[in-house]
Amino acid sequence: MSSVSSDHIELIPSLKGVTVFSDRAQLAFVASTALECGTHIIHLRPEGNWEDMMTNTLLVKVQDGSNRHVAVHDVRLKHTDLTEEVRKGVRVLKDSIDELQGKIDAVTDKKKVQSAVEAAVEKIEKKLMIMGERDCPSRAHKQLTDTTAITLFLSQPSSWMELICFISGRKRHVRECLLELKDEETKLQASLSKLQEELGEMQRGKRRQRRNTTVEVTLTVRERPTELKLNVSFVVTGASWKPLYDMRVSSSTSTMDLTYYAQVQQRTPIDWNKVQLKVSTAAPHFGTQPPKLATWRISLKPPIANLKPRLLAMNLRGMPMPCAARAVDTTDCNAAPREARVKQAIVSSSSPFSGAISSFHVLGLTTVRNNNRLVKVAIAKQTFPVELEYHAVPKSDKRVFRTAKAKNTSPYIFLPGKSHIFVDSTFMCGSRLDLVPAGADFSASLGADERVEVVRKEVKRTRSIVTRVVRSPLVRMDHVYEFSVKGTVQRETTLLVRDQCPLSPDDEVKVCVVEPSSKALKGRLTADGMKCAMDQMGMIEWKLKLSPGANNHVFRYAFQVEHPERLTVRGV
């Protein structure tokens, strides 16, 4: 779209590409027109507003192909201040507030429904537990159909598991829904508060000042007419993105399908309609030069050289001598710097990790409205083979947890962000993925698995006196624990069981691991073929191989604590 008036041409550039950074974005526009030979002044006027433009980031250049015949002489910004009525804006804000309030009311109703479902499921679960604690009804009670059905149900334990799984799954689903609704309600309330604050500010004034910004380009076309294409780019605030991961683990194939998303939001003055979107980890607002340290001087407090003349003058005038608490001259320019100035020397890196910058191109065209709502776009989808492991710390938790270990064989860097984890098409939990460079290993927690259990039981705790010929007797405490591993798995997998050995900073208190033996710990292999190891912090780990089908393993852990009888040892 163009209109020519003598040598002045007005163009409305089109937004073609956007690069989103952590807290701002670079907008790339394209404007084209046919030009005759001569000097022209082109006014680039946006459809929306460029008032949020960071002027020091403005870049105007001629697109390749026509730059050989075009010379750009000058690029200027033109600002026009306008005063507009706010009644229309107030009306729009009120409509937005009513819409948000309706959404909040809908979320509240959904929460009430889910809470009622949760209460009903818990009531059913409670009744079933009471029925299970009673004896099975006698045959005399088989007169009623309902009683007969209950009797048959209680007499067939194999049918209980399906109902228990249903109740557990239903409770988990309801709680997940309640958490999601709570998060949604919190976000809506925050948006509502922001709109109400903006409405209050707008209602306090009848008129609002607005600035229109245009770009004026002066150029010359030489030799022959040309089809001019101008690229205009600049950085604006009010945009951001963050990563999101969808991890789907298959137990049958031992694979993980990982989908890498970017959640983009923006509140710039214009909508991004069907643009080439790119997200980047660069931080263009940080300085590129390393900081310099000033000389750090220290001195006495107060400086004696400056204090003596003052004391002498006060004494000659007959003035009272100052007390010690008031003798500090805080205006002295040579005084030592405060500690806060040292803390200000902390410098942030210009990139979020290891100085590396990554950019991700989103395939296709993307639309992001300027309503600050999150828009999820896919960056990549990768499939990784995983190694499934069970982890148990029965001393702290009776449950056995499952993890999936994989290696990032993709060319992408996985930035820190939230992740949604699914196992066999069932949502397990929301987690967070740490930074994973290309080629690095990473793991995902798949939650607790009830098919495997590890029971830790104390089988011995004794206290005895060990007499010695020359020295004083010792107190010996023996602790023995037994671990029972039971469970059924579909594929061969690894189980890691962790426990700990107490440590003592006192040389007179000796702690010795009896089982597994020191030889087994050094060789990392127990008598029954299990791998074991202990680190310097006293953490012991057993590694078991679980075969497909039923598994049953029993092993022991024992240690001794010895100390002189005159000492009292606590914490064991």
Protein backbone atom coordinates (compact mmCIF):
# COMPACT_ATOMS: atom_id res chain seq x y z
CA MET A 1 0.00 0.00 0.00
CA SER A 2 1.57 3.33 -1.03
CA SER A 3 0.62 6.92 -1.86
CA VAL A 4 3.01 9.23 -3.73
CA SER A 5 3.13 13.04 -3.21
CA SER A 6 6.07 14.64 -5.13
CA ASP A 7 9.17 12.94 -3.66
CA HIS A 8 7.42 11.78 -0.47
CA ILE A 9 6.13 8.22 -0.31
CA GLU A 10 4.15 6.71 2.53
CA LEU A 11 4.37 2.96 3.11
CA ILE A 12 2.74 0.66 5.61
CA PRO A 13 5.24 -2.14 6.33
CA SER A 14 4.06 -5.68 7.03
CA LEU A 15 5.26 -7.71 10.00
CA LYS A 16 6.97 -10.82 8.64
CA GLY A 17 9.16 -12.23 11.41
CA VAL A 18 9.57 -12.10 15.18
CA THR A 19 12.47 -13.26 17.34
CA VAL A 20 11.42 -13.65 20.97
CA PHE A 21 13.97 -13.33 23.78
CA SER A 22 13.54 -13.92 27.49
CA ASP A 23 11.85 -10.57 28.18
CA ARG A 24 11.56 -8.76 24.83
CA ALA A 25 11.31 -9.38 21.10
CA GLN A 26 12.78 -8.21 17.81
CA LEU A 27 10.17 -7.36 15.17
CA ALA A 28 11.09 -7.57 11.47
CA PHE A 29 8.98 -5.64 8.93
CA VAL A 30 9.12 -5.52 5.14
CA ALA A 31 7.93 -2.62 2.95
CA SER A 32 8.08 -2.61 -0.86
CA THR A 33 7.33 -0.15 -3.65
CA ALA A 34 8.45 0.71 -7.18
CA LEU A 35 10.78 3.73 -7.40
CA GLU A 36 12.02 5.82 -10.31
CA CYS A 37 15.53 7.22 -10.46
CA GLY A 38 16.12 10.13 -8.12
CA THR A 39 15.96 11.03 -4.44
CA HIS A 40 12.95 9.96 -2.40
CA ILE A 41 11.74 10.42 1.18
CA ILE A 42 9.86 7.38 2.42
CA HIS A 43 7.63 7.53 5.50
CA LEU A 44 7.14 4.13 7.14
CA ARG A 45 3.89 4.27 9.09
CA PRO A 46 2.74 1.15 10.98
CA GLU A 47 -0.80 -0.17 11.09
CA GLY A 48 -0.59 -0.22 14.89
CA ASN A 49 1.86 1.72 17.00
CA TRP A 50 5.63 1.70 17.40
CA GLU A 51 5.69 3.72 20.62
CA ASP A 52 7.39 0.87 22.53
CA MET A 53 10.30 0.76 20.09
CA MET A 54 13.77 0.78 21.64
CA THR A 55 15.16 3.50 19.38
CA ASN A 56 18.79 2.43 19.70
CA THR A 57 17.91 -0.95 18.14
CA LEU A 58 16.32 0.43 14.95
CA LEU A 59 17.85 -1.01 11.77
CA VAL A 60 16.76 -0.11 8.21
CA LYS A 61 18.41 -1.73 5.22
CA VAL A 62 17.69 -2.43 1.58
CA GLN A 63 16.97 -6.06 0.82
CA ASP A 64 19.46 -7.93 -1.35
CA GLY A 65 18.81 -7.56 -5.06
CA SER A 66 18.02 -3.85 -5.16
CA ASN A 67 20.77 -2.52 -2.90
CA ARG A 68 23.22 -2.08 -5.78
CA HIS A 69 21.13 0.73 -7.27
CA VAL A 70 19.90 2.30 -4.00
CA ALA A 71 21.85 4.45 -1.52
CA VAL A 72 20.33 5.23 1.89
CA HIS A 73 21.33 8.71 3.12
CA ASP A 74 19.39 9.21 6.34
CA VAL A 75 17.06 7.42 8.76
CA ARG A 76 15.06 9.47 11.26
CA LEU A 77 12.31 8.91 13.80
CA LYS A 78 9.27 11.19 13.74
CA HIS A 79 7.09 11.47 16.84
CA THR A 80 3.58 12.93 16.95
CA ASP A 81 1.79 13.38 20.27
CA LEU A 82 -1.97 12.81 20.14
CA THR A 83 -4.69 13.28 22.73
CA GLU A 84 -7.55 10.78 22.61
CA GLU A 85 -10.75 10.25 24.53
CA VAL A 86 -10.67 7.38 26.99
CA ARG A 87 -14.38 6.53 27.00
CA LYS A 88 -13.95 3.92 24.30
CA GLY A 89 -10.99 2.41 26.16
CA VAL A 90 -13.01 2.31 29.38
CA ARG A 91 -15.80 0.49 27.60
CA VAL A 92 -13.37 -2.07 26.16
CA LEU A 93 -11.74 -2.64 29.55
CA LYS A 94 -15.11 -3.14 31.24
CA ASP A 95 -16.06 -5.73 28.62
CA SER A 96 -12.75 -7.52 29.21
CA ILE A 97 -13.30 -7.45 32.98
CA ASP A 98 -16.80 -8.91 32.59
CA GLU A 99 -15.41 -11.64 30.35
CA LEU A 100 -12.67 -12.49 32.86
CA GLN A 101 -15.15 -12.52 35.74
CA GLY A 102 -17.31 -14.96 33.80
CA LYS A 103 -14.33 -17.25 33.29
CA ILE A 104 -13.48 -17.07 37.01
CA ASP A 105 -17.07 -17.98 37.90
CA ALA A 106 -16.92 -20.93 35.50
CA VAL A 107 -13.67 -22.14 37.09
CA THR A 108 -15.24 -21.82 40.55
CA ASP A 109 -18.20 -23.95 39.43
CA LYS A 110 -15.83 -26.59 38.03
CA LYS A 111 -13.94 -26.67 41.33
CA LYS A 112 -17.18 -27.27 43.20
CA VAL A 113 -18.07 -30.15 40.89
CA GLN A 114 -14.63 -31.76 41.25
CA SER A 115 -14.73 -31.33 45.04
CA ALA A 116 -18.12 -33.05 45.13
CA VAL A 117 -16.76 -35.93 43.00
CA GLU A 118 -13.75 -36.25 45.31
CA ALA A 119 -16.00 -36.37 48.38
CA ALA A 120 -18.20 -39.05 46.76
CA VAL A 121 -15.20 -41.21 45.81
CA GLU A 122 -13.76 -40.93 49.32
CA LYS A 123 -17.14 -41.91 50.76
CA ILE A 124 -17.25 -45.02 48.56
CA GLU A 125 -13.67 -45.88 49.51
CA LYS A 126 -14.48 -45.51 53.21
CA LYS A 127 -17.52 -47.78 52.92
CA LEU A 128 -15.52 -50.44 51.09
CA MET A 129 -12.84 -50.35 53.79
CA ILE A 130 -15.49 -50.85 56.47
CA MET A 131 -16.99 -53.76 54.51
CA GLY A 132 -13.57 -55.31 54.06
CA GLU A 133 -12.90 -55.22 57.78
CA ARG A 134 -16.07 -57.21 58.51
CA ASP A 135 -16.48 -60.92 57.99
CA CYS A 136 -18.16 -62.07 54.83
CA PRO A 137 -21.96 -62.16 55.22
CA SER A 138 -23.42 -65.52 56.08
CA ARG A 139 -25.55 -67.47 53.67
CA ALA A 140 -28.62 -66.47 55.65
CA HIS A 141 -28.25 -62.95 54.32
CA LYS A 142 -28.41 -64.01 50.66
CA GLN A 143 -32.10 -63.25 50.51
CA LEU A 144 -31.61 -59.77 49.07
CA THR A 145 -30.07 -59.26 45.66
CA ASP A 146 -27.78 -56.39 46.82
CA THR A 147 -26.50 -58.42 49.75
CA THR A 148 -25.82 -61.38 47.46
CA ALA A 149 -23.81 -59.20 45.10
CA ILE A 150 -21.78 -57.79 47.99
CA THR A 151 -21.19 -61.32 49.31
CA LEU A 152 -19.93 -62.53 45.95
CA PHE A 153 -17.73 -59.46 45.61
CA LEU A 154 -16.14 -59.94 49.04
CA SER A 155 -15.66 -63.67 48.47
CA GLN A 156 -13.58 -63.06 45.31
CA PRO A 157 -10.47 -61.02 46.22
CA SER A 158 -9.30 -61.14 42.60
CA SER A 159 -12.06 -58.70 41.68
CA TRP A 160 -11.00 -56.13 44.27
CA MET A 161 -7.92 -54.91 42.41
CA GLU A 162 -9.89 -53.49 39.48
CA LEU A 163 -12.12 -51.47 41.81
CA ILE A 164 -9.16 -50.29 43.89
CA CYS A 165 -7.33 -49.18 40.75
CA PHE A 166 -10.45 -47.35 39.57
CA ILE A 167 -10.86 -45.51 42.87
CA SER A 168 -7.16 -44.59 43.06
CA GLY A 169 -7.13 -43.40 39.47
CA ARG A 170 -10.28 -41.40 39.95
CA LYS A 171 -8.92 -39.70 43.08
CA ARG A 172 -5.66 -38.86 41.31
CA HIS A 173 -7.52 -37.46 38.30
CA VAL A 174 -9.77 -35.31 40.50
CA ARG A 175 -6.82 -33.91 42.44
CA GLU A 176 -4.96 -33.11 39.23
CA CYS A 177 -8.04 -31.31 37.91
CA LEU A 178 -8.33 -29.33 41.14
CA LEU A 179 -4.67 -28.27 40.94
CA GLU A 180 -5.05 -27.20 37.31
CA LEU A 181 -8.21 -25.27 38.13
CA LYS A 182 -6.49 -23.58 41.05
CA ASP A 183 -3.59 -22.49 38.82
CA GLU A 184 -6.02 -21.24 36.18
CA GLU A 185 -8.01 -19.32 38.80
CA THR A 186 -4.83 -17.70 40.15
CA LYS A 187 -3.80 -16.54 36.68
CA LEU A 188 -7.28 -15.21 35.93
CA GLN A 189 -7.39 -13.33 39.23
CA ALA A 190 -4.00 -11.76 38.46
CA SER A 191 -5.22 -10.66 35.01
CA LEU A 192 -8.43 -9.32 36.55
CA SER A 193 -6.53 -7.26 39.12
CA LYS A 194 -4.32 -5.82 36.40
CA LEU A 195 -7.30 -4.83 34.25
CA GLN A 196 -9.09 -3.28 37.23
CA GLU A 197 -6.00 -1.25 38.07
CA GLU A 198 -5.70 -0.10 34.46
CA LEU A 199 -9.40 0.80 34.42
CA GLY A 200 -9.01 2.87 37.58
CA GLU A 201 -6.09 4.79 36.10
CA MET A 202 -8.02 5.41 32.90
CA GLN A 203 -11.17 6.61 34.70
CA ARG A 204 -9.19 9.16 36.69
CA GLY A 205 -8.48 11.12 33.51
CA LYS A 206 -10.86 12.04 30.69
CA ARG A 207 -8.12 12.18 28.07
CA ARG A 208 -5.01 10.14 27.41
CA GLN A 209 -1.80 11.14 25.68
CA ARG A 210 -0.53 8.84 22.95
CA ARG A 211 2.56 9.10 20.78
CA ASN A 212 2.68 7.98 17.16
CA THR A 213 6.10 6.99 15.87
CA THR A 214 7.06 6.78 12.20
CA VAL A 215 10.36 6.16 10.44
CA GLU A 216 11.56 8.55 7.72
CA VAL A 217 14.09 7.17 5.23
CA THR A 218 15.89 9.32 2.66
CA LEU A 219 17.41 7.42 -0.27
CA THR A 220 18.51 7.76 -3.87
CA VAL A 221 17.84 5.40 -6.78
CA ARG A 222 20.61 5.38 -9.37
CA GLU A 223 20.95 4.10 -12.96
CA ARG A 224 17.45 2.63 -13.45
CA PRO A 225 14.06 2.24 -11.74
CA THR A 226 13.91 -0.52 -9.17
CA GLU A 227 11.50 -2.54 -7.08
CA LEU A 228 12.51 -1.43 -3.60
CA LYS A 229 12.24 -3.71 -0.58
CA LEU A 230 13.09 -2.23 2.81
CA ASN A 231 13.74 -4.37 5.86
CA VAL A 232 12.96 -2.62 9.16
CA SER A 233 13.71 -4.23 12.50
CA PHE A 234 13.82 -3.11 16.13
CA VAL A 235 13.44 -4.48 19.65
CA VAL A 236 10.39 -3.94 21.86
CA THR A 237 9.60 -4.91 25.42
CA GLY A 238 6.52 -6.79 26.60
CA ALA A 239 7.26 -10.22 25.10
CA SER A 240 8.75 -13.41 26.51
CA TRP A 241 8.93 -17.16 26.08
CA LYS A 242 9.66 -20.21 28.22
CA PRO A 243 10.16 -23.89 27.37
CA LEU A 244 7.67 -26.67 28.09
CA TYR A 245 8.19 -30.41 27.64
CA ASP A 246 5.79 -33.27 27.03
CA MET A 247 7.43 -36.60 27.98
CA ARG A 248 5.61 -39.82 27.11
CA VAL A 249 7.29 -43.03 28.27
CA SER A 250 6.28 -46.45 26.96
CA SER A 251 7.01 -49.34 29.32
CA SER A 252 6.57 -51.96 26.62
CA THR A 253 9.09 -50.46 24.16
CA SER A 254 11.34 -48.64 26.69
CA THR A 255 11.20 -45.43 24.67
CA MET A 256 10.39 -41.80 25.41
CA ASP A 257 8.64 -39.45 22.99
CA LEU A 258 9.70 -35.92 23.97
CA THR A 259 7.96 -32.92 22.45
CA TYR A 260 9.75 -29.61 22.89
CA TYR A 261 7.39 -26.61 23.12
CA ALA A 262 7.87 -22.87 23.43
CA GLN A 263 5.25 -20.94 25.37
CA VAL A 264 5.15 -17.43 23.89
CA GLN A 265 3.25 -14.44 25.24
CA GLN A 266 3.27 -10.77 24.28
CA ARG A 267 1.58 -7.48 25.12
CA THR A 268 3.21 -5.28 22.50
CA PRO A 269 1.04 -2.67 20.72
CA ILE A 270 0.37 -4.94 17.72
CA ASP A 271 -0.76 -8.50 17.07
CA TRP A 272 1.65 -10.92 15.44
CA ASN A 273 -0.44 -12.32 12.61
CA LYS A 274 1.01 -15.24 10.65
CA VAL A 275 4.68 -14.46 11.21
CA GLN A 276 7.86 -16.49 11.01
CA LEU A 277 8.54 -17.07 14.70
CA LYS A 278 11.92 -17.71 16.26
CA VAL A 279 12.75 -18.03 19.96
CA SER A 280 16.23 -17.32 21.28
CA THR A 281 18.18 -17.52 24.53
CA ALA A 282 20.12 -14.36 23.71
CA ALA A 283 19.86 -11.36 26.04
CA PRO A 284 20.31 -8.25 23.86
CA HIS A 285 19.79 -5.79 26.72
CA PHE A 286 22.97 -6.75 28.60
CA GLY A 287 26.26 -4.95 27.96
CA THR A 288 28.89 -6.65 25.86
CA GLN A 289 31.93 -5.18 27.64
CA PRO A 290 33.31 -6.83 30.79
CA PRO A 291 33.15 -4.69 33.94
CA LYS A 292 36.17 -2.87 35.38
CA LEU A 293 37.10 -2.81 39.05
CA ALA A 294 37.98 0.47 40.74
CA THR A 295 40.75 0.75 43.33
CA TRP A 296 39.63 -0.61 46.69
CA ARG A 297 41.10 1.49 49.48
CA ILE A 298 40.83 0.85 53.20
CA SER A 299 41.66 3.16 56.11
CA LEU A 300 41.36 3.53 59.84
CA LYS A 301 37.99 4.36 61.29
CA PRO A 302 38.12 7.26 62.09
CA PRO A 303 41.27 8.40 60.22
CA ILE A 304 43.74 9.54 62.91
CA ALA A 305 45.43 12.16 60.69
CA ASN A 306 42.16 14.06 60.18
CA LEU A 307 40.95 13.62 63.74
CA LYS A 308 43.93 15.17 65.64
CA PRO A 309 43.61 18.74 64.26
CA ARG A 310 39.91 18.77 65.08
CA LEU A 311 40.49 17.61 68.64
CA LEU A 312 43.24 20.23 69.15
CA ALA A 313 41.04 23.06 67.84
CA MET A 314 38.15 22.01 70.06
CA ASN A 315 40.44 21.90 73.11
CA LEU A 316 41.80 25.42 72.45
CA ARG A 317 38.27 26.83 72.19
CA GLY A 318 37.30 25.21 75.46
CA MET A 319 34.73 22.97 73.85
CA PRO A 320 33.94 19.60 75.39
CA MET A 321 35.79 16.68 73.94
CA PRO A 322 33.56 14.42 71.80
CA CYS A 323 32.76 10.99 73.13
CA ALA A 324 34.02 7.92 71.31
CA ALA A 325 30.64 7.20 69.76
CA ARG A 326 30.60 10.61 68.06
CA ALA A 327 34.22 10.80 66.96
CA VAL A 328 33.63 9.27 63.51
CA ASP A 329 33.89 11.69 60.60
CA THR A 330 31.48 10.19 58.09
CA THR A 331 32.16 12.89 55.49
CA ASP A 332 35.80 11.98 54.99
CA CYS A 333 36.42 11.11 51.34
CA ASN A 334 39.21 8.67 52.23
CA ALA A 335 37.00 6.48 54.43
CA ALA A 336 36.84 2.78 53.66
CA PRO A 337 34.07 1.73 51.22
CA ARG A 338 31.01 0.06 52.67
CA GLU A 339 30.37 -3.63 52.19
CA ALA A 340 27.40 -2.94 49.90
CA ARG A 341 29.73 -1.52 47.24
CA VAL A 342 31.60 -4.79 47.11
CA LYS A 343 28.35 -6.68 46.59
CA GLN A 344 27.48 -4.46 43.63
CA ALA A 345 30.44 -5.92 41.74
CA ILE A 346 28.47 -9.11 41.03
CA VAL A 347 28.05 -9.43 37.26
CA SER A 348 25.37 -11.41 35.42
CA SER A 349 26.32 -13.38 32.34
CA SER A 350 24.91 -12.24 29.04
CA SER A 351 23.46 -15.71 28.45
CA PRO A 352 21.64 -18.14 30.69
CA PHE A 353 24.20 -20.90 30.44
CA SER A 354 27.90 -21.28 29.71
CA GLY A 355 28.02 -18.35 27.30
CA ALA A 356 26.14 -20.29 24.61
CA ILE A 357 23.20 -18.85 22.66
CA SER A 358 20.59 -21.04 21.02
CA SER A 359 17.88 -20.08 18.58
CA PHE A 360 14.92 -22.23 17.60
CA HIS A 361 12.96 -21.69 14.40
CA VAL A 362 9.26 -22.59 14.54
CA LEU A 363 8.05 -24.25 11.37
CA GLY A 364 5.15 -22.63 9.54
CA LEU A 365 3.45 -19.35 10.37
CA THR A 366 2.37 -18.45 13.90
CA THR A 367 -0.16 -15.98 15.28
CA VAL A 368 0.28 -14.47 18.76
CA ARG A 369 -2.25 -11.89 19.93
CA ASN A 370 -1.17 -8.98 22.12
CA ASN A 371 -3.37 -10.11 25.05
CA ASN A 372 -0.49 -11.61 27.06
CA ARG A 373 -1.96 -15.11 26.76
CA LEU A 374 0.37 -18.06 26.40
CA VAL A 375 0.60 -19.57 22.93
CA LYS A 376 2.19 -23.01 22.74
CA VAL A 377 4.18 -23.79 19.60
CA ALA A 378 6.13 -26.96 18.90
CA ILE A 379 9.87 -26.69 18.39
CA ALA A 380 10.76 -30.35 17.86
CA LYS A 381 9.73 -33.92 18.64
CA GLN A 382 12.32 -36.59 19.41
CA THR A 383 12.23 -40.26 20.42
CA PHE A 384 14.88 -41.59 22.81
CA PRO A 385 15.54 -45.12 24.10
CA VAL A 386 15.26 -45.12 27.89
CA GLU A 387 16.54 -47.29 30.70
CA LEU A 388 13.86 -47.80 33.33
CA GLU A 389 15.05 -48.02 36.93
CA TYR A 390 13.41 -48.44 40.30
CA HIS A 391 14.64 -46.40 43.27
CA ALA A 392 13.85 -47.15 46.89
CA VAL A 393 14.83 -45.47 50.16
CA PRO A 394 12.79 -47.57 52.60
CA LYS A 395 14.26 -45.81 55.61
CA SER A 396 12.43 -42.63 54.59
CA ASP A 397 9.59 -43.79 52.33
CA LYS A 398 7.87 -47.14 51.86
CA ARG A 399 7.09 -46.43 48.21
CA VAL A 400 9.28 -47.51 45.30
CA PHE A 401 9.82 -44.89 42.62
CA ARG A 402 10.54 -45.42 38.95
CA THR A 403 12.76 -43.25 36.76
CA ALA A 404 13.57 -43.19 33.06
CA LYS A 405 17.16 -42.43 32.04
CA ALA A 406 17.89 -41.23 28.52
CA LYS A 407 20.53 -39.44 26.46
CA ASN A 408 19.85 -36.30 24.46
CA THR A 409 20.90 -37.48 21.01
CA SER A 410 19.10 -34.57 19.31
CA PRO A 411 20.86 -31.41 18.10
CA TYR A 412 18.77 -29.32 20.48
CA ILE A 413 19.62 -27.91 23.90
CA PHE A 414 16.88 -28.55 26.43
CA LEU A 415 16.54 -25.40 28.51
CA PRO A 416 15.26 -25.48 32.10
CA GLY A 417 11.47 -25.61 32.15
CA LYS A 418 8.31 -27.39 33.22
CA SER A 419 7.53 -30.88 31.97
CA HIS A 420 4.42 -33.05 31.83
CA ILE A 421 5.18 -36.75 32.25
CA PHE A 422 2.99 -39.56 30.91
CA VAL A 423 3.54 -43.29 31.34
CA ASP A 424 1.69 -45.61 28.95
CA SER A 425 -0.71 -42.77 28.00
CA THR A 426 -1.51 -42.02 31.67
CA PHE A 427 -0.59 -38.66 33.15
CA MET A 428 1.71 -39.21 36.12
CA CYS A 429 2.94 -35.85 37.35
CA GLY A 430 4.22 -32.41 36.52
CA SER A 431 7.94 -31.96 36.99
CA ARG A 432 10.81 -29.72 35.93
CA LEU A 433 13.61 -30.49 33.51
CA ASP A 434 17.02 -29.00 34.21
CA LEU A 435 19.43 -27.81 31.53
CA VAL A 436 20.34 -30.68 29.18
CA PRO A 437 22.96 -29.89 26.50
CA ALA A 438 23.07 -31.92 23.30
CA GLY A 439 24.70 -35.28 24.00
CA ALA A 440 24.11 -35.14 27.77
CA ASP A 441 22.22 -37.64 29.91
CA PHE A 442 18.98 -36.74 31.66
CA SER A 443 16.31 -38.51 33.67
CA ALA A 444 12.62 -38.18 34.42
CA SER A 445 10.83 -39.33 37.54
CA LEU A 446 7.80 -41.48 36.71
CA GLY A 447 6.31 -41.51 40.20
CA ALA A 448 5.67 -44.40 42.58
CA ASP A 449 5.03 -47.93 41.30
CA GLU A 450 3.01 -50.28 43.52
CA ARG A 451 4.08 -53.40 41.61
CA VAL A 452 7.41 -53.45 43.46
CA GLU A 453 7.86 -53.11 47.21
CA VAL A 454 10.93 -52.93 49.44
CA VAL A 455 10.48 -53.52 53.18
CA ARG A 456 13.17 -52.54 55.69
CA LYS A 457 12.94 -54.31 59.05
CA GLU A 458 15.16 -54.05 62.09
CA VAL A 459 16.08 -57.58 63.21
CA LYS A 460 18.72 -56.83 65.83
CA ARG A 461 19.71 -53.99 68.14
CA THR A 462 22.03 -54.96 71.01
CA ARG A 463 24.34 -53.18 73.43
CA SER A 464 27.31 -55.01 74.97
CA ILE A 465 30.46 -54.21 76.95
CA VAL A 466 33.83 -55.19 75.51
CA THR A 467 36.47 -55.50 78.23
CA ARG A 468 40.12 -54.73 77.52
CA VAL A 469 43.19 -55.64 79.57
CA VAL A 470 44.96 -52.29 79.80
CA ARG A 471 42.49 -49.68 78.61
CA SER A 472 38.96 -48.90 79.74
CA PRO A 473 36.10 -51.04 78.43
CA LEU A 474 34.19 -50.22 75.27
CA VAL A 475 30.48 -50.10 74.56
CA ARG A 476 29.52 -51.93 71.37
CA MET A 477 26.14 -51.42 69.69
CA ASP A 478 25.11 -53.82 66.93
CA HIS A 479 22.41 -52.86 64.41
CA VAL A 480 21.10 -55.33 61.83
CA TYR A 481 18.42 -54.57 59.22
CA GLU A 482 16.80 -56.90 56.71
CA PHE A 483 15.53 -55.79 53.31
CA SER A 484 12.82 -57.78 51.51
CA VAL A 485 12.24 -57.08 47.82
CA LYS A 486 9.06 -58.38 46.19
CA GLY A 487 7.37 -57.51 42.95
CA THR A 488 6.51 -58.34 39.38
CA VAL A 489 7.97 -56.59 36.33
CA GLN A 490 7.39 -57.04 32.61
CA ARG A 491 10.97 -56.47 31.45
CA GLU A 492 14.35 -56.87 33.05
CA THR A 493 15.10 -53.73 35.03
CA THR A 494 17.35 -52.40 37.76
CA LEU A 495 16.40 -51.66 41.36
CA LEU A 496 18.53 -49.27 43.42
CA VAL A 497 18.09 -49.49 47.21
CA ARG A 498 19.72 -46.80 49.32
CA ASP A 499 20.45 -46.58 53.03
CA GLN A 500 23.07 -44.87 55.14
CA CYS A 501 25.75 -45.54 57.71
CA PRO A 502 26.14 -43.10 60.63
CA LEU A 503 29.24 -40.90 60.70
CA SER A 504 31.04 -39.57 63.76
CA PRO A 505 33.40 -36.58 63.90
CA ASP A 506 34.90 -37.94 67.16
CA ASP A 507 37.92 -40.23 66.79
CA GLU A 508 36.91 -42.17 69.91
CA VAL A 509 33.62 -43.24 68.32
CA LYS A 510 34.21 -45.95 65.71
CA VAL A 511 31.61 -47.01 63.15
CA CYS A 512 32.15 -50.19 61.16
CA VAL A 513 29.97 -51.71 58.43
CA VAL A 514 29.74 -55.46 59.03
CA GLU A 515 27.41 -56.46 56.19
CA PRO A 516 28.03 -56.04 53.35
CA SER A 517 31.67 -56.75 54.06
CA SER A 518 34.46 -54.30 53.35
CA LYS A 519 35.67 -56.65 50.63
CA ALA A 520 32.25 -56.57 48.98
CA LEU A 521 32.15 -52.77 49.19
CA LYS A 522 35.61 -52.45 47.66
CA GLY A 523 34.83 -55.01 44.99
CA ARG A 524 31.34 -53.54 44.56
CA LEU A 525 29.83 -57.04 44.60
CA THR A 526 28.11 -58.96 47.41
CA ALA A 527 28.16 -62.71 47.98
CA ASP A 528 24.81 -63.21 46.24
CA GLY A 529 25.87 -61.22 43.18
CA MET A 530 24.39 -57.83 44.01
CA LYS A 531 26.42 -54.72 43.33
CA CYS A 532 26.95 -52.42 46.28
CA ALA A 533 28.96 -49.32 47.05
CA MET A 534 29.37 -46.73 49.81
CA ASP A 535 30.53 -43.15 49.38
CA GLN A 536 32.41 -40.88 51.78
CA MET A 537 29.17 -39.52 53.22
CA GLY A 538 28.09 -42.97 54.39
CA MET A 539 25.47 -43.51 51.68
CA ILE A 540 25.18 -47.20 50.74
CA GLU A 541 23.59 -48.33 47.50
CA TRP A 542 22.60 -51.84 46.42
CA LYS A 543 21.91 -52.52 42.75
CA LEU A 544 19.67 -55.51 41.98
CA LYS A 545 18.58 -56.94 38.66
CA LEU A 546 14.86 -57.71 38.55
CA SER A 547 13.97 -60.44 36.07
CA PRO A 548 10.71 -60.52 34.09
CA GLY A 549 7.98 -62.05 36.23
CA ALA A 550 7.89 -62.44 40.01
CA ASN A 551 10.94 -61.48 42.07
CA ASN A 552 11.84 -62.16 45.69
CA HIS A 553 15.14 -61.01 47.20
CA VAL A 554 16.31 -60.77 50.81
CA PHE A 555 19.55 -59.16 51.98
CA ARG A 556 20.89 -57.66 55.19
CA TYR A 557 22.67 -54.54 56.29
CA ALA A 558 24.60 -54.45 59.60
CA PHE A 559 26.95 -52.03 61.31
CA GLN A 560 28.64 -51.63 64.70
CA VAL A 561 29.27 -48.54 66.80
CA GLU A 562 32.03 -48.68 69.46
CA HIS A 563 32.94 -45.97 71.97
CA PRO A 564 34.48 -45.69 75.46
CA GLU A 565 32.07 -46.43 78.28
CA ARG A 566 32.53 -42.96 79.74
CA LEU A 567 31.05 -41.36 76.61
CA THR A 568 27.38 -41.03 75.72
CA VAL A 569 26.54 -41.33 72.03
CA ARG A 570 23.29 -39.97 70.67
CA GLY A 571 21.57 -40.22 67.33
CA VAL A 572 21.92 -43.99 66.83
